[in-house]
Amino acid sequence: MTEETGEPEQPADRPKRKPKPKRPATLRVCVWCGTPFVPENKRGPAPSYCKPGCRVRAHEERTRQRELAAIHGRHEQQLDRIFGAFGKAGAAKARKAAEEAEAEQAGPGPQIRGQEELTW
């Protein structure tokens, strides 16, 4: 410290810090909603989502898809166990019959009033 001003002494030969090169602002596209955005933070990995809500929705959808895949896998295992008793040829016929029954239950879709008169 200098006695006159009371400030700490600054060494004259102290090296100055070099400024870090700034990463150029890059335009990114949100993986979830497709909105173009410029990341706010220049540090760390580049973000894939424009806002936290998009990140949460994408996570929820991934979780939902995993659950559906697990349910489908269990369903297929049950069908294989049931149709396994029929043998390969019988299992193929039984599967086809089950698929046709499902298609029948779905029905042709909603009927439009007056549709009978519109058919030629």
Protein backbone atom coordinates (compact mmCIF):
# COMPACT_ATOMS: atom_id res chain seq x y z
CA MET A 1 0.00 0.00 0.00
CA THR A 2 1.14 3.47 -0.69
CA GLU A 3 1.26 5.74 2.33
CA GLU A 4 -0.10 8.78 0.52
CA THR A 5 -3.30 7.35 -1.02
CA GLY A 6 -3.85 4.14 0.97
CA GLU A 7 -4.42 2.14 -2.25
CA PRO A 8 -2.69 -1.18 -2.93
CA GLU A 9 0.27 -1.00 -5.23
CA GLN A 10 -0.23 -2.23 -8.78
CA PRO A 11 2.76 -4.05 -10.20
CA ALA A 12 3.73 -2.49 -13.50
CA ASP A 13 4.88 -5.73 -15.06
CA ARG A 14 1.68 -7.67 -14.27
CA PRO A 15 0.52 -9.45 -17.45
CA LYS A 16 -2.90 -8.46 -18.76
CA ARG A 17 -5.47 -11.14 -19.37
CA LYS A 18 -6.21 -11.91 -22.95
CA PRO A 19 -9.90 -11.67 -23.74
CA LYS A 20 -11.44 -15.05 -24.53
CA PRO A 21 -12.55 -15.41 -28.11
CA LYS A 22 -16.32 -15.23 -28.24
CA ARG A 23 -18.20 -17.98 -29.94
CA PRO A 24 -20.26 -16.54 -32.78
CA ALA A 25 -24.02 -16.49 -32.20
CA THR A 26 -25.39 -19.46 -34.07
CA LEU A 27 -29.01 -19.91 -34.99
CA ARG A 28 -30.34 -23.25 -33.78
CA VAL A 29 -33.67 -25.00 -34.32
CA CYS A 30 -35.63 -26.45 -31.39
CA VAL A 31 -35.86 -30.24 -31.64
CA TRP A 32 -39.38 -30.27 -30.18
CA CYS A 33 -41.26 -27.32 -31.73
CA GLY A 34 -39.02 -26.35 -34.66
CA THR A 35 -38.69 -22.72 -33.58
CA PRO A 36 -35.38 -21.08 -34.54
CA PHE A 37 -33.52 -19.57 -31.57
CA VAL A 38 -30.14 -18.19 -30.53
CA PRO A 39 -28.75 -19.84 -27.35
CA GLU A 40 -28.40 -17.39 -24.47
CA ASN A 41 -25.49 -19.11 -22.74
CA LYS A 42 -22.27 -19.42 -24.67
CA ARG A 43 -20.77 -21.97 -22.27
CA GLY A 44 -21.26 -25.70 -22.25
CA PRO A 45 -22.92 -27.84 -24.89
CA ALA A 46 -25.23 -26.13 -27.34
CA PRO A 47 -28.88 -26.49 -26.27
CA SER A 48 -31.32 -28.49 -28.37
CA TYR A 49 -34.50 -26.84 -27.09
CA CYS A 50 -35.64 -23.20 -27.25
CA LYS A 51 -37.16 -23.16 -23.75
CA PRO A 52 -37.46 -25.47 -20.73
CA GLY A 53 -41.08 -26.32 -21.58
CA CYS A 54 -40.02 -27.88 -24.88
CA ARG A 55 -37.35 -29.92 -23.10
CA VAL A 56 -39.93 -31.20 -20.58
CA ARG A 57 -42.46 -32.10 -23.29
CA ALA A 58 -39.80 -33.98 -25.26
CA HIS A 59 -38.85 -35.92 -22.13
CA GLU A 60 -42.51 -36.78 -21.46
CA GLU A 61 -42.93 -38.01 -25.03
CA ARG A 62 -39.79 -40.18 -24.83
CA THR A 63 -41.07 -41.67 -21.57
CA ARG A 64 -44.50 -42.31 -23.12
CA GLN A 65 -42.95 -44.02 -26.15
CA ARG A 66 -40.83 -46.28 -23.89
CA GLU A 67 -43.93 -47.28 -21.91
CA LEU A 68 -45.89 -48.03 -25.10
CA ALA A 69 -43.01 -50.12 -26.44
CA ALA A 70 -42.89 -52.09 -23.18
CA ILE A 71 -46.66 -52.70 -23.31
CA HIS A 72 -46.42 -53.79 -26.96
CA GLY A 73 -43.55 -56.15 -26.11
CA ARG A 74 -45.55 -57.76 -23.29
CA HIS A 75 -48.57 -58.05 -25.60
CA GLU A 76 -46.46 -59.78 -28.25
CA GLN A 77 -45.04 -62.19 -25.64
CA GLN A 78 -48.53 -63.10 -24.49
CA LEU A 79 -49.67 -63.70 -28.07
CA ASP A 80 -46.62 -65.85 -28.77
CA ARG A 81 -47.33 -67.89 -25.65
CA ILE A 82 -51.00 -68.33 -26.60
CA PHE A 83 -50.43 -69.06 -30.28
CA GLY A 84 -47.34 -71.19 -29.64
CA ALA A 85 -49.57 -74.17 -28.84
CA PHE A 86 -50.95 -74.12 -32.41
CA GLY A 87 -47.60 -74.56 -34.14
CA LYS A 88 -46.22 -72.22 -36.81
CA ALA A 89 -48.96 -72.68 -39.43
CA GLY A 90 -51.76 -72.60 -36.89
CA ALA A 91 -50.26 -69.55 -35.16
CA ALA A 92 -50.18 -67.60 -38.44
CA LYS A 93 -53.84 -68.42 -39.10
CA ALA A 94 -54.83 -67.53 -35.53
CA ARG A 95 -52.95 -64.20 -35.72
CA LYS A 96 -54.64 -63.32 -38.99
CA ALA A 97 -58.05 -64.13 -37.50
CA ALA A 98 -57.28 -61.98 -34.44
CA GLU A 99 -56.21 -59.05 -36.65
CA GLU A 100 -59.40 -59.37 -38.73
CA ALA A 101 -61.50 -59.40 -35.56
CA GLU A 102 -59.78 -56.22 -34.34
CA ALA A 103 -60.40 -54.53 -37.69
CA GLU A 104 -64.08 -55.53 -37.53
CA GLN A 105 -64.45 -54.10 -34.03
CA ALA A 106 -63.00 -50.76 -35.17
CA GLY A 107 -65.84 -50.34 -37.65
CA PRO A 108 -65.99 -48.28 -40.83
CA GLY A 109 -65.92 -44.91 -39.03
CA PRO A 110 -68.57 -42.28 -38.37
CA GLN A 111 -71.61 -42.37 -40.62
CA ILE A 112 -72.71 -39.21 -42.38
CA ARG A 113 -76.44 -38.52 -42.38
CA GLY A 114 -77.78 -39.00 -45.87
CA GLN A 115 -74.79 -41.06 -46.97
CA GLU A 116 -77.06 -43.72 -48.50
CA GLU A 117 -78.46 -41.22 -50.97
CA LEU A 118 -74.97 -40.06 -51.99
CA THR A 119 -73.78 -43.49 -53.12
CA TRP A 120 -74.27 -44.22 -56.80
